[in-house]
Amino acid sequence: MKHSALRSRVRGVSLVEVMVSLVIGVVVVGAVLVSYMASGKSSAQQAAYAAMNENAQLGLGLLSRDLLLAGYAQPTGFEPVTPATVPPTFTGNLARTYSGRPVFGCDNGFVSPSTIGVVACATTAGAPAIEMVYEADLLNTVPTAANVPSDCLGNTLRPAAGTLSGVDFFVTFNRYYLSTGDTGRSELHCASNTRDLLGQPVPGQPLVDNVEAMKFWYGEAGALAADSRRVLRYVTAGNLADASFANVIAVKVCLLIRSSEAVLDMDLYPDPLLPPKYLDCDSTEQTITDKFLRRAYFTTVTLRNKMAF
């Protein structure tokens, strides 16, 4: 009697209960997986933005440093009066080792960034490029093994024409431009007019990866003395009033950086009429179709060697 009563109170799990438990388990596991996948995608995008910020900081830092040095040259002494007198008399004006243009830019890039001599602008469509020129010494460049100033790639510079108090001086022509690297990605390159041991031009080298676009606006001062240290407008190289760049006293720079991996989740944009977009260097909306993130970074640099009182 007692055994039969106990057996009546012991029963197994019904099929309905098993199915309900399975459904609940699947829902819980699915929610965990969705959360995990979303977290992974978010982490990938955050890592991509961090890498883009690092590339932009490096690229803008290199360009800003050379822009701050552009036009720098040591004084060579007092400039004599013409015609010469005996004994010589002096005007009291200091001459400079380099008195040429501090910056020069081309809206379509250079014909040959590594050319020895004056660089020329390309006539076909291309990415903008810029040249910064200044006297290089052991303090504003990285000295080579021979204790000689270097260009933007660390190449040994050759002495410029003339000397400073009987000592050779050096002028670097650092040219920044975009080119496609071995990986197929657009990169920020630098070249100069440096020669190798055989007297041949030294080819440019990449500095920063994933720089998809670059643009420069030149801050042009007025021709009048009252406006010589005041930017009246920012224009591209082809729209300068003075094509010699003599009145350029500031430069605005934009680098458009692309992520190294296709990390954009297109599922977040199911509506084909509302695709993901970004703003380019001209603040124009562009549509993303390849899942790569993009962001434009800006900076403005004053040419301090053109702003002396």
C-alpha atoms as a PDB file:
ATOM      1  CA  MET A   1       0.000   0.000   0.000  1.00  0.00           C
ATOM      2  CA  LYS A   2       2.762   2.350   0.928  1.00  0.00           C
ATOM      3  CA  HIS A   3       4.838   1.411  -2.149  1.00  0.00           C
ATOM      4  CA  SER A   4       1.954   2.051  -4.526  1.00  0.00           C
ATOM      5  CA  ALA A   5       1.318   5.466  -2.929  1.00  0.00           C
ATOM      6  CA  LEU A   6       4.952   6.466  -3.408  1.00  0.00           C
ATOM      7  CA  ARG A   7       4.941   5.299  -7.033  1.00  0.00           C
ATOM      8  CA  SER A   8       1.852   7.404  -7.694  1.00  0.00           C
ATOM      9  CA  ARG A   9       3.624  10.548  -6.533  1.00  0.00           C
ATOM     10  CA  VAL A  10       6.775   9.941  -8.681  1.00  0.00           C
ATOM     11  CA  ARG A  11       6.397  10.910 -12.325  1.00  0.00           C
ATOM     12  CA  GLY A  12       8.774  12.006 -15.192  1.00  0.00           C
ATOM     13  CA  VAL A  13       9.016  15.234 -17.219  1.00  0.00           C
ATOM     14  CA  SER A  14       6.435  15.614 -19.915  1.00  0.00           C
ATOM     15  CA  LEU A  15       7.272  16.307 -23.555  1.00  0.00           C
ATOM     16  CA  VAL A  16       5.705  19.770 -23.334  1.00  0.00           C
ATOM     17  CA  GLU A  17       7.965  20.723 -20.442  1.00  0.00           C
ATOM     18  CA  VAL A  18      11.033  19.511 -22.367  1.00  0.00           C
ATOM     19  CA  MET A  19      10.061  21.572 -25.405  1.00  0.00           C
ATOM     20  CA  VAL A  20       9.446  24.676 -23.301  1.00  0.00           C
ATOM     21  CA  SER A  21      12.824  24.267 -21.613  1.00  0.00           C
ATOM     22  CA  LEU A  22      14.564  23.879 -24.982  1.00  0.00           C
ATOM     23  CA  VAL A  23      12.891  26.982 -26.371  1.00  0.00           C
ATOM     24  CA  ILE A  24      13.886  29.026 -23.339  1.00  0.00           C
ATOM     25  CA  GLY A  25      17.456  27.738 -23.599  1.00  0.00           C
ATOM     26  CA  VAL A  26      17.667  28.563 -27.307  1.00  0.00           C
ATOM     27  CA  VAL A  27      16.367  32.099 -26.675  1.00  0.00           C
ATOM     28  CA  VAL A  28      18.886  32.684 -23.894  1.00  0.00           C
ATOM     29  CA  VAL A  29      21.804  31.307 -25.912  1.00  0.00           C
ATOM     30  CA  GLY A  30      20.705  33.306 -28.967  1.00  0.00           C
ATOM     31  CA  ALA A  31      20.557  36.504 -26.957  1.00  0.00           C
ATOM     32  CA  VAL A  32      24.047  35.854 -25.588  1.00  0.00           C
ATOM     33  CA  LEU A  33      25.398  35.160 -29.094  1.00  0.00           C
ATOM     34  CA  VAL A  34      23.804  38.308 -30.530  1.00  0.00           C
ATOM     35  CA  SER A  35      25.218  40.369 -27.697  1.00  0.00           C
ATOM     36  CA  TYR A  36      28.639  38.780 -28.167  1.00  0.00           C
ATOM     37  CA  MET A  37      28.657  39.385 -31.924  1.00  0.00           C
ATOM     38  CA  ALA A  38      27.506  42.987 -31.517  1.00  0.00           C
ATOM     39  CA  SER A  39      30.184  43.552 -28.907  1.00  0.00           C
ATOM     40  CA  GLY A  40      32.788  42.070 -31.271  1.00  0.00           C
ATOM     41  CA  LYS A  41      31.722  44.330 -34.146  1.00  0.00           C
ATOM     42  CA  SER A  42      31.710  47.370 -31.886  1.00  0.00           C
ATOM     43  CA  SER A  43      35.171  46.506 -30.585  1.00  0.00           C
ATOM     44  CA  ALA A  44      36.473  46.077 -34.149  1.00  0.00           C
ATOM     45  CA  GLN A  45      35.131  49.489 -35.143  1.00  0.00           C
ATOM     46  CA  GLN A  46      36.577  51.147 -32.048  1.00  0.00           C
ATOM     47  CA  ALA A  47      39.954  49.567 -32.782  1.00  0.00           C
ATOM     48  CA  ALA A  48      39.712  50.776 -36.386  1.00  0.00           C
ATOM     49  CA  TYR A  49      38.958  54.344 -35.274  1.00  0.00           C
ATOM     50  CA  ALA A  50      41.877  54.224 -32.821  1.00  0.00           C
ATOM     51  CA  ALA A  51      44.235  53.154 -35.628  1.00  0.00           C
ATOM     52  CA  MET A  52      42.838  55.878 -37.900  1.00  0.00           C
ATOM     53  CA  ASN A  53      43.380  58.494 -35.198  1.00  0.00           C
ATOM     54  CA  GLU A  54      46.955  57.311 -34.774  1.00  0.00           C
ATOM     55  CA  ASN A  55      47.660  57.494 -38.514  1.00  0.00           C
ATOM     56  CA  ALA A  56      46.125  60.960 -38.709  1.00  0.00           C
ATOM     57  CA  GLN A  57      48.137  62.184 -35.729  1.00  0.00           C
ATOM     58  CA  LEU A  58      51.342  60.874 -37.282  1.00  0.00           C
ATOM     59  CA  GLY A  59      50.640  62.318 -40.727  1.00  0.00           C
ATOM     60  CA  LEU A  60      49.505  65.730 -39.517  1.00  0.00           C
ATOM     61  CA  GLY A  61      52.436  65.842 -37.086  1.00  0.00           C
ATOM     62  CA  LEU A  62      54.970  65.277 -39.864  1.00  0.00           C
ATOM     63  CA  LEU A  63      53.389  67.881 -42.120  1.00  0.00           C
ATOM     64  CA  SER A  64      52.967  70.417 -39.309  1.00  0.00           C
ATOM     65  CA  ARG A  65      56.577  70.078 -38.202  1.00  0.00           C
ATOM     66  CA  ASP A  66      57.930  70.821 -41.675  1.00  0.00           C
ATOM     67  CA  LEU A  67      55.465  73.669 -42.168  1.00  0.00           C
ATOM     68  CA  LEU A  68      56.691  75.276 -38.953  1.00  0.00           C
ATOM     69  CA  LEU A  69      60.268  75.008 -40.252  1.00  0.00           C
ATOM     70  CA  ALA A  70      59.455  76.141 -43.796  1.00  0.00           C
ATOM     71  CA  GLY A  71      61.516  79.170 -44.746  1.00  0.00           C
ATOM     72  CA  TYR A  72      63.945  78.827 -41.846  1.00  0.00           C
ATOM     73  CA  ALA A  73      67.495  80.009 -42.637  1.00  0.00           C
ATOM     74  CA  GLN A  74      70.412  81.337 -40.634  1.00  0.00           C
ATOM     75  CA  PRO A  75      71.593  84.926 -41.088  1.00  0.00           C
ATOM     76  CA  THR A  76      74.786  85.234 -43.092  1.00  0.00           C
ATOM     77  CA  GLY A  77      75.806  88.709 -41.922  1.00  0.00           C
ATOM     78  CA  PHE A  78      75.253  92.228 -43.101  1.00  0.00           C
ATOM     79  CA  GLU A  79      74.345  92.853 -46.692  1.00  0.00           C
ATOM     80  CA  PRO A  80      76.807  95.230 -48.412  1.00  0.00           C
ATOM     81  CA  VAL A  81      75.744  98.346 -50.252  1.00  0.00           C
ATOM     82  CA  THR A  82      75.696  98.192 -54.062  1.00  0.00           C
ATOM     83  CA  PRO A  83      77.857  99.457 -55.693  1.00  0.00           C
ATOM     84  CA  ALA A  84      80.646  98.326 -53.385  1.00  0.00           C
ATOM     85  CA  THR A  85      82.793 100.895 -51.645  1.00  0.00           C
ATOM     86  CA  VAL A  86      86.297 100.741 -50.212  1.00  0.00           C
ATOM     87  CA  PRO A  87      86.307 100.250 -47.317  1.00  0.00           C
ATOM     88  CA  PRO A  88      82.960  98.389 -47.587  1.00  0.00           C
ATOM     89  CA  THR A  89      79.923  99.868 -45.952  1.00  0.00           C
ATOM     90  CA  PHE A  90      76.861  97.907 -44.791  1.00  0.00           C
ATOM     91  CA  THR A  91      73.176  98.659 -44.784  1.00  0.00           C
ATOM     92  CA  GLY A  92      72.592  96.855 -41.517  1.00  0.00           C
ATOM     93  CA  ASN A  93      70.257  94.331 -43.186  1.00  0.00           C
ATOM     94  CA  LEU A  94      70.834  90.635 -42.529  1.00  0.00           C
ATOM     95  CA  ALA A  95      71.043  88.302 -45.493  1.00  0.00           C
ATOM     96  CA  ARG A  96      69.923  84.656 -45.323  1.00  0.00           C
ATOM     97  CA  THR A  97      71.403  81.355 -46.414  1.00  0.00           C
ATOM     98  CA  TYR A  98      68.112  80.536 -48.159  1.00  0.00           C
ATOM     99  CA  SER A  99      65.687  83.199 -49.331  1.00  0.00           C
ATOM    100  CA  GLY A 100      63.521  81.251 -51.773  1.00  0.00           C
ATOM    101  CA  ARG A 101      59.902  80.196 -51.355  1.00  0.00           C
ATOM    102  CA  PRO A 102      59.152  78.352 -48.091  1.00  0.00           C
ATOM    103  CA  VAL A 103      56.305  76.289 -49.545  1.00  0.00           C
ATOM    104  CA  PHE A 104      55.102  75.270 -52.976  1.00  0.00           C
ATOM    105  CA  GLY A 105      52.066  73.205 -53.867  1.00  0.00           C
ATOM    106  CA  CYS A 106      50.423  71.509 -56.830  1.00  0.00           C
ATOM    107  CA  ASP A 107      46.724  70.681 -56.930  1.00  0.00           C
ATOM    108  CA  ASN A 108      47.342  67.663 -59.196  1.00  0.00           C
ATOM    109  CA  GLY A 109      50.591  66.487 -57.619  1.00  0.00           C
ATOM    110  CA  PHE A 110      54.188  66.595 -58.866  1.00  0.00           C
ATOM    111  CA  VAL A 111      55.472  65.269 -62.173  1.00  0.00           C
ATOM    112  CA  SER A 112      58.400  63.676 -60.328  1.00  0.00           C
ATOM    113  CA  PRO A 113      58.646  64.181 -56.556  1.00  0.00           C
ATOM    114  CA  SER A 114      62.282  62.984 -56.543  1.00  0.00           C
ATOM    115  CA  THR A 115      63.479  65.323 -59.266  1.00  0.00           C
ATOM    116  CA  ILE A 116      66.791  67.103 -58.689  1.00  0.00           C
ATOM    117  CA  GLY A 117      66.118  70.786 -59.031  1.00  0.00           C
ATOM    118  CA  VAL A 118      62.823  72.661 -59.295  1.00  0.00           C
ATOM    119  CA  VAL A 119      59.799  70.398 -58.950  1.00  0.00           C
ATOM    120  CA  ALA A 120      57.053  70.733 -61.566  1.00  0.00           C
ATOM    121  CA  CYS A 121      53.285  70.338 -61.266  1.00  0.00           C
ATOM    122  CA  ALA A 122      51.445  67.552 -63.054  1.00  0.00           C
ATOM    123  CA  THR A 123      48.800  68.572 -65.573  1.00  0.00           C
ATOM    124  CA  THR A 124      46.723  65.406 -65.325  1.00  0.00           C
ATOM    125  CA  ALA A 125      44.296  64.768 -62.468  1.00  0.00           C
ATOM    126  CA  GLY A 126      45.962  63.623 -59.275  1.00  0.00           C
ATOM    127  CA  ALA A 127      46.147  64.150 -55.528  1.00  0.00           C
ATOM    128  CA  PRO A 128      47.525  67.474 -54.228  1.00  0.00           C
ATOM    129  CA  ALA A 129      51.159  67.597 -53.119  1.00  0.00           C
ATOM    130  CA  ILE A 130      53.290  70.071 -51.206  1.00  0.00           C
ATOM    131  CA  GLU A 131      56.966  70.990 -50.896  1.00  0.00           C
ATOM    132  CA  MET A 132      58.498  72.555 -47.759  1.00  0.00           C
ATOM    133  CA  VAL A 133      61.962  74.096 -47.920  1.00  0.00           C
ATOM    134  CA  TYR A 134      64.248  75.173 -45.081  1.00  0.00           C
ATOM    135  CA  GLU A 135      67.860  75.145 -43.963  1.00  0.00           C
ATOM    136  CA  ALA A 136      68.571  71.801 -42.319  1.00  0.00           C
ATOM    137  CA  ASP A 137      70.964  71.466 -39.409  1.00  0.00           C
ATOM    138  CA  LEU A 138      71.805  68.963 -36.702  1.00  0.00           C
ATOM    139  CA  LEU A 139      69.048  70.252 -34.429  1.00  0.00           C
ATOM    140  CA  ASN A 140      66.009  70.430 -36.716  1.00  0.00           C
ATOM    141  CA  THR A 141      66.735  67.129 -38.537  1.00  0.00           C
ATOM    142  CA  VAL A 142      67.982  63.698 -37.535  1.00  0.00           C
ATOM    143  CA  PRO A 143      71.799  63.646 -37.976  1.00  0.00           C
ATOM    144  CA  THR A 144      73.154  60.857 -40.145  1.00  0.00           C
ATOM    145  CA  ALA A 145      76.034  58.561 -39.210  1.00  0.00           C
ATOM    146  CA  ALA A 146      78.387  61.081 -40.812  1.00  0.00           C
ATOM    147  CA  ASN A 147      76.948  63.800 -38.506  1.00  0.00           C
ATOM    148  CA  VAL A 148      75.298  65.565 -41.438  1.00  0.00           C
ATOM    149  CA  PRO A 149      71.696  66.887 -41.586  1.00  0.00           C
ATOM    150  CA  SER A 150      69.095  64.729 -43.318  1.00  0.00           C
ATOM    151  CA  ASP A 151      65.892  65.062 -45.333  1.00  0.00           C
ATOM    152  CA  CYS A 152      62.418  63.759 -44.419  1.00  0.00           C
ATOM    153  CA  LEU A 153      63.538  60.156 -44.998  1.00  0.00           C
ATOM    154  CA  GLY A 154      66.830  60.376 -43.117  1.00  0.00           C
ATOM    155  CA  ASN A 155      68.906  60.570 -46.309  1.00  0.00           C
ATOM    156  CA  THR A 156      72.201  62.452 -46.082  1.00  0.00           C
ATOM    157  CA  LEU A 157      71.985  65.951 -47.545  1.00  0.00           C
ATOM    158  CA  ARG A 158      74.632  67.469 -49.771  1.00  0.00           C
ATOM    159  CA  PRO A 159      75.941  70.971 -49.011  1.00  0.00           C
ATOM    160  CA  ALA A 160      74.070  73.801 -50.677  1.00  0.00           C
ATOM    161  CA  ALA A 161      75.784  76.263 -52.962  1.00  0.00           C
ATOM    162  CA  GLY A 162      77.848  78.739 -50.948  1.00  0.00           C
ATOM    163  CA  THR A 163      78.995  78.585 -47.346  1.00  0.00           C
ATOM    164  CA  LEU A 164      78.113  80.178 -44.031  1.00  0.00           C
ATOM    165  CA  SER A 165      81.227  81.840 -42.603  1.00  0.00           C
ATOM    166  CA  GLY A 166      83.339  79.299 -44.451  1.00  0.00           C
ATOM    167  CA  VAL A 167      81.233  76.364 -43.253  1.00  0.00           C
ATOM    168  CA  ASP A 168      78.923  74.322 -45.492  1.00  0.00           C
ATOM    169  CA  PHE A 169      75.186  74.637 -44.904  1.00  0.00           C
ATOM    170  CA  PHE A 170      72.355  72.391 -46.068  1.00  0.00           C
ATOM    171  CA  VAL A 171      68.886  73.057 -47.497  1.00  0.00           C
ATOM    172  CA  THR A 172      66.238  70.330 -47.601  1.00  0.00           C
ATOM    173  CA  PHE A 173      63.348  70.185 -50.062  1.00  0.00           C
ATOM    174  CA  ASN A 174      60.805  67.848 -48.452  1.00  0.00           C
ATOM    175  CA  ARG A 175      57.983  66.874 -50.804  1.00  0.00           C
ATOM    176  CA  TYR A 176      54.867  65.128 -49.511  1.00  0.00           C
ATOM    177  CA  TYR A 177      52.475  63.339 -51.855  1.00  0.00           C
ATOM    178  CA  LEU A 178      50.158  60.323 -52.071  1.00  0.00           C
ATOM    179  CA  SER A 179      51.051  57.099 -53.832  1.00  0.00           C
ATOM    180  CA  THR A 180      49.793  53.508 -53.894  1.00  0.00           C
ATOM    181  CA  GLY A 181      52.016  51.101 -51.965  1.00  0.00           C
ATOM    182  CA  ASP A 182      52.732  47.414 -52.412  1.00  0.00           C
ATOM    183  CA  THR A 183      49.604  46.565 -50.424  1.00  0.00           C
ATOM    184  CA  GLY A 184      47.409  48.422 -52.909  1.00  0.00           C
ATOM    185  CA  ARG A 185      46.534  51.066 -50.325  1.00  0.00           C
ATOM    186  CA  SER A 186      47.044  54.791 -50.705  1.00  0.00           C
ATOM    187  CA  GLU A 187      49.936  56.039 -48.537  1.00  0.00           C
ATOM    188  CA  LEU A 188      51.519  59.341 -47.582  1.00  0.00           C
ATOM    189  CA  HIS A 189      54.976  59.442 -49.159  1.00  0.00           C
ATOM    190  CA  CYS A 190      57.898  61.831 -48.878  1.00  0.00           C
ATOM    191  CA  ALA A 191      60.756  62.528 -51.274  1.00  0.00           C
ATOM    192  CA  SER A 192      63.385  65.229 -51.750  1.00  0.00           C
ATOM    193  CA  ASN A 193      65.955  66.359 -54.275  1.00  0.00           C
ATOM    194  CA  THR A 194      68.667  64.325 -52.524  1.00  0.00           C
ATOM    195  CA  ARG A 195      71.186  62.412 -54.658  1.00  0.00           C
ATOM    196  CA  ASP A 196      72.616  58.995 -53.893  1.00  0.00           C
ATOM    197  CA  LEU A 197      76.324  58.111 -54.063  1.00  0.00           C
ATOM    198  CA  LEU A 198      76.061  57.789 -57.845  1.00  0.00           C
ATOM    199  CA  GLY A 199      74.448  61.200 -58.183  1.00  0.00           C
ATOM    200  CA  GLN A 200      71.014  59.775 -58.998  1.00  0.00           C
ATOM    201  CA  PRO A 201      67.701  60.892 -57.424  1.00  0.00           C
ATOM    202  CA  VAL A 202      66.636  58.980 -54.313  1.00  0.00           C
ATOM    203  CA  PRO A 203      63.089  57.579 -54.719  1.00  0.00           C
ATOM    204  CA  GLY A 204      60.379  58.546 -52.262  1.00  0.00           C
ATOM    205  CA  GLN A 205      59.268  56.270 -49.455  1.00  0.00           C
ATOM    206  CA  PRO A 206      55.957  55.724 -47.606  1.00  0.00           C
ATOM    207  CA  LEU A 207      55.493  57.294 -44.190  1.00  0.00           C
ATOM    208  CA  VAL A 208      51.841  56.769 -43.216  1.00  0.00           C
ATOM    209  CA  ASP A 209      49.481  54.028 -44.399  1.00  0.00           C
ATOM    210  CA  ASN A 210      45.792  54.353 -45.379  1.00  0.00           C
ATOM    211  CA  VAL A 211      45.833  58.060 -46.289  1.00  0.00           C
ATOM    212  CA  GLU A 212      43.166  57.962 -48.987  1.00  0.00           C
ATOM    213  CA  ALA A 213      43.087  61.675 -49.838  1.00  0.00           C
ATOM    214  CA  MET A 214      44.953  64.867 -48.978  1.00  0.00           C
ATOM    215  CA  LYS A 215      44.213  68.518 -49.585  1.00  0.00           C
ATOM    216  CA  PHE A 216      45.855  71.875 -48.866  1.00  0.00           C
ATOM    217  CA  TRP A 217      44.495  75.387 -48.622  1.00  0.00           C
ATOM    218  CA  TYR A 218      47.013  78.230 -48.578  1.00  0.00           C
ATOM    219  CA  GLY A 219      46.425  81.236 -46.360  1.00  0.00           C
ATOM    220  CA  GLU A 220      47.240  84.237 -48.522  1.00  0.00           C
ATOM    221  CA  ALA A 221      48.115  87.593 -46.978  1.00  0.00           C
ATOM    222  CA  GLY A 222      47.457  90.939 -48.598  1.00  0.00           C
ATOM    223  CA  ALA A 223      49.990  92.809 -50.701  1.00  0.00           C
ATOM    224  CA  LEU A 224      49.788  95.920 -48.508  1.00  0.00           C
ATOM    225  CA  ALA A 225      52.085  96.212 -45.496  1.00  0.00           C
ATOM    226  CA  ALA A 226      49.109  96.401 -43.139  1.00  0.00           C
ATOM    227  CA  ASP A 227      47.888  93.020 -44.402  1.00  0.00           C
ATOM    228  CA  SER A 228      51.267  91.279 -44.683  1.00  0.00           C
ATOM    229  CA  ARG A 229      50.700  89.223 -41.508  1.00  0.00           C
ATOM    230  CA  ARG A 230      46.961  88.707 -41.845  1.00  0.00           C
ATOM    231  CA  VAL A 231      45.347  85.866 -43.771  1.00  0.00           C
ATOM    232  CA  LEU A 232      42.781  87.309 -46.147  1.00  0.00           C
ATOM    233  CA  ARG A 233      41.634  84.013 -47.636  1.00  0.00           C
ATOM    234  CA  TYR A 234      42.395  80.301 -47.875  1.00  0.00           C
ATOM    235  CA  VAL A 235      42.573  78.937 -51.419  1.00  0.00           C
ATOM    236  CA  THR A 236      44.054  75.969 -53.235  1.00  0.00           C
ATOM    237  CA  ALA A 237      47.381  76.327 -55.043  1.00  0.00           C
ATOM    238  CA  GLY A 238      45.825  76.987 -58.431  1.00  0.00           C
ATOM    239  CA  ASN A 239      43.718  79.869 -57.087  1.00  0.00           C
ATOM    240  CA  LEU A 240      46.483  81.910 -55.442  1.00  0.00           C
ATOM    241  CA  ALA A 241      46.638  85.524 -56.555  1.00  0.00           C
ATOM    242  CA  ASP A 242      50.455  85.293 -56.516  1.00  0.00           C
ATOM    243  CA  ALA A 243      51.590  82.046 -58.117  1.00  0.00           C
ATOM    244  CA  SER A 244      55.044  82.456 -56.551  1.00  0.00           C
ATOM    245  CA  PHE A 245      53.581  81.640 -53.101  1.00  0.00           C
ATOM    246  CA  ALA A 246      55.271  84.800 -51.804  1.00  0.00           C
ATOM    247  CA  ASN A 247      52.203  85.876 -49.812  1.00  0.00           C
ATOM    248  CA  VAL A 248      51.414  82.488 -48.247  1.00  0.00           C
ATOM    249  CA  ILE A 249      51.702  82.752 -44.464  1.00  0.00           C
ATOM    250  CA  ALA A 250      49.624  79.762 -43.336  1.00  0.00           C
ATOM    251  CA  VAL A 251      48.527  76.369 -44.632  1.00  0.00           C
ATOM    252  CA  LYS A 252      45.382  74.398 -43.817  1.00  0.00           C
ATOM    253  CA  VAL A 253      45.822  70.625 -44.191  1.00  0.00           C
ATOM    254  CA  CYS A 254      43.290  67.801 -44.514  1.00  0.00           C
ATOM    255  CA  LEU A 255      44.043  64.080 -44.449  1.00  0.00           C
ATOM    256  CA  LEU A 256      41.271  61.601 -45.263  1.00  0.00           C
ATOM    257  CA  ILE A 257      42.118  58.394 -43.402  1.00  0.00           C
ATOM    258  CA  ARG A 258      40.600  54.998 -44.248  1.00  0.00           C
ATOM    259  CA  SER A 259      40.418  52.007 -41.924  1.00  0.00           C
ATOM    260  CA  SER A 260      42.755  49.144 -42.727  1.00  0.00           C
ATOM    261  CA  GLU A 261      39.959  46.555 -42.504  1.00  0.00           C
ATOM    262  CA  ALA A 262      36.356  46.430 -43.727  1.00  0.00           C
ATOM    263  CA  VAL A 263      34.713  46.630 -40.293  1.00  0.00           C
ATOM    264  CA  LEU A 264      31.513  48.553 -41.043  1.00  0.00           C
ATOM    265  CA  ASP A 265      28.356  46.558 -40.226  1.00  0.00           C
ATOM    266  CA  MET A 266      26.117  47.076 -43.244  1.00  0.00           C
ATOM    267  CA  ASP A 267      23.229  45.316 -41.445  1.00  0.00           C
ATOM    268  CA  LEU A 268      22.755  48.518 -39.474  1.00  0.00           C
ATOM    269  CA  TYR A 269      21.726  50.240 -42.722  1.00  0.00           C
ATOM    270  CA  PRO A 270      18.937  48.050 -44.151  1.00  0.00           C
ATOM    271  CA  ASP A 271      17.319  50.949 -46.000  1.00  0.00           C
ATOM    272  CA  PRO A 272      19.074  51.359 -49.380  1.00  0.00           C
ATOM    273  CA  LEU A 273      17.993  54.991 -49.402  1.00  0.00           C
ATOM    274  CA  LEU A 274      19.926  55.637 -46.173  1.00  0.00           C
ATOM    275  CA  PRO A 275      23.400  54.145 -46.739  1.00  0.00           C
ATOM    276  CA  PRO A 276      26.362  54.892 -44.442  1.00  0.00           C
ATOM    277  CA  LYS A 277      28.158  58.124 -45.309  1.00  0.00           C
ATOM    278  CA  TYR A 278      31.143  60.243 -44.327  1.00  0.00           C
ATOM    279  CA  LEU A 279      32.343  63.826 -44.911  1.00  0.00           C
ATOM    280  CA  ASP A 280      35.386  64.265 -47.161  1.00  0.00           C
ATOM    281  CA  CYS A 281      37.987  67.064 -47.029  1.00  0.00           C
ATOM    282  CA  ASP A 282      35.524  69.455 -48.713  1.00  0.00           C
ATOM    283  CA  SER A 283      32.853  68.581 -46.109  1.00  0.00           C
ATOM    284  CA  THR A 284      30.851  66.873 -48.866  1.00  0.00           C
ATOM    285  CA  GLU A 285      28.852  63.755 -47.991  1.00  0.00           C
ATOM    286  CA  GLN A 286      30.147  60.588 -49.625  1.00  0.00           C
ATOM    287  CA  THR A 287      28.515  57.141 -49.590  1.00  0.00           C
ATOM    288  CA  ILE A 288      30.360  54.111 -48.201  1.00  0.00           C
ATOM    289  CA  THR A 289      29.935  50.965 -50.304  1.00  0.00           C
ATOM    290  CA  ASP A 290      32.985  48.898 -49.328  1.00  0.00           C
ATOM    291  CA  LYS A 291      32.545  48.627 -45.512  1.00  0.00           C
ATOM    292  CA  PHE A 292      35.715  50.676 -44.844  1.00  0.00           C
ATOM    293  CA  LEU A 293      35.464  53.497 -42.309  1.00  0.00           C
ATOM    294  CA  ARG A 294      36.692  56.952 -43.307  1.00  0.00           C
ATOM    295  CA  ARG A 295      37.264  60.203 -41.454  1.00  0.00           C
ATOM    296  CA  ALA A 296      38.724  63.583 -42.441  1.00  0.00           C
ATOM    297  CA  TYR A 297      41.247  65.225 -40.098  1.00  0.00           C
ATOM    298  CA  PHE A 298      42.242  68.898 -40.271  1.00  0.00           C
ATOM    299  CA  THR A 299      44.908  71.204 -38.934  1.00  0.00           C
ATOM    300  CA  THR A 300      46.082  74.744 -39.711  1.00  0.00           C
ATOM    301  CA  VAL A 301      49.721  75.793 -39.393  1.00  0.00           C
ATOM    302  CA  THR A 302      51.164  79.289 -39.481  1.00  0.00           C
ATOM    303  CA  LEU A 303      54.462  79.723 -41.314  1.00  0.00           C
ATOM    304  CA  ARG A 304      56.280  81.334 -38.407  1.00  0.00           C
ATOM    305  CA  ASN A 305      59.290  82.209 -40.551  1.00  0.00           C
ATOM    306  CA  LYS A 306      56.962  84.383 -42.659  1.00  0.00           C
ATOM    307  CA  MET A 307      55.361  86.101 -39.671  1.00  0.00           C
ATOM    308  CA  ALA A 308      58.402  87.926 -38.236  1.00  0.00           C
ATOM    309  CA  PHE A 309      57.860  91.482 -37.080  1.00  0.00           C
END
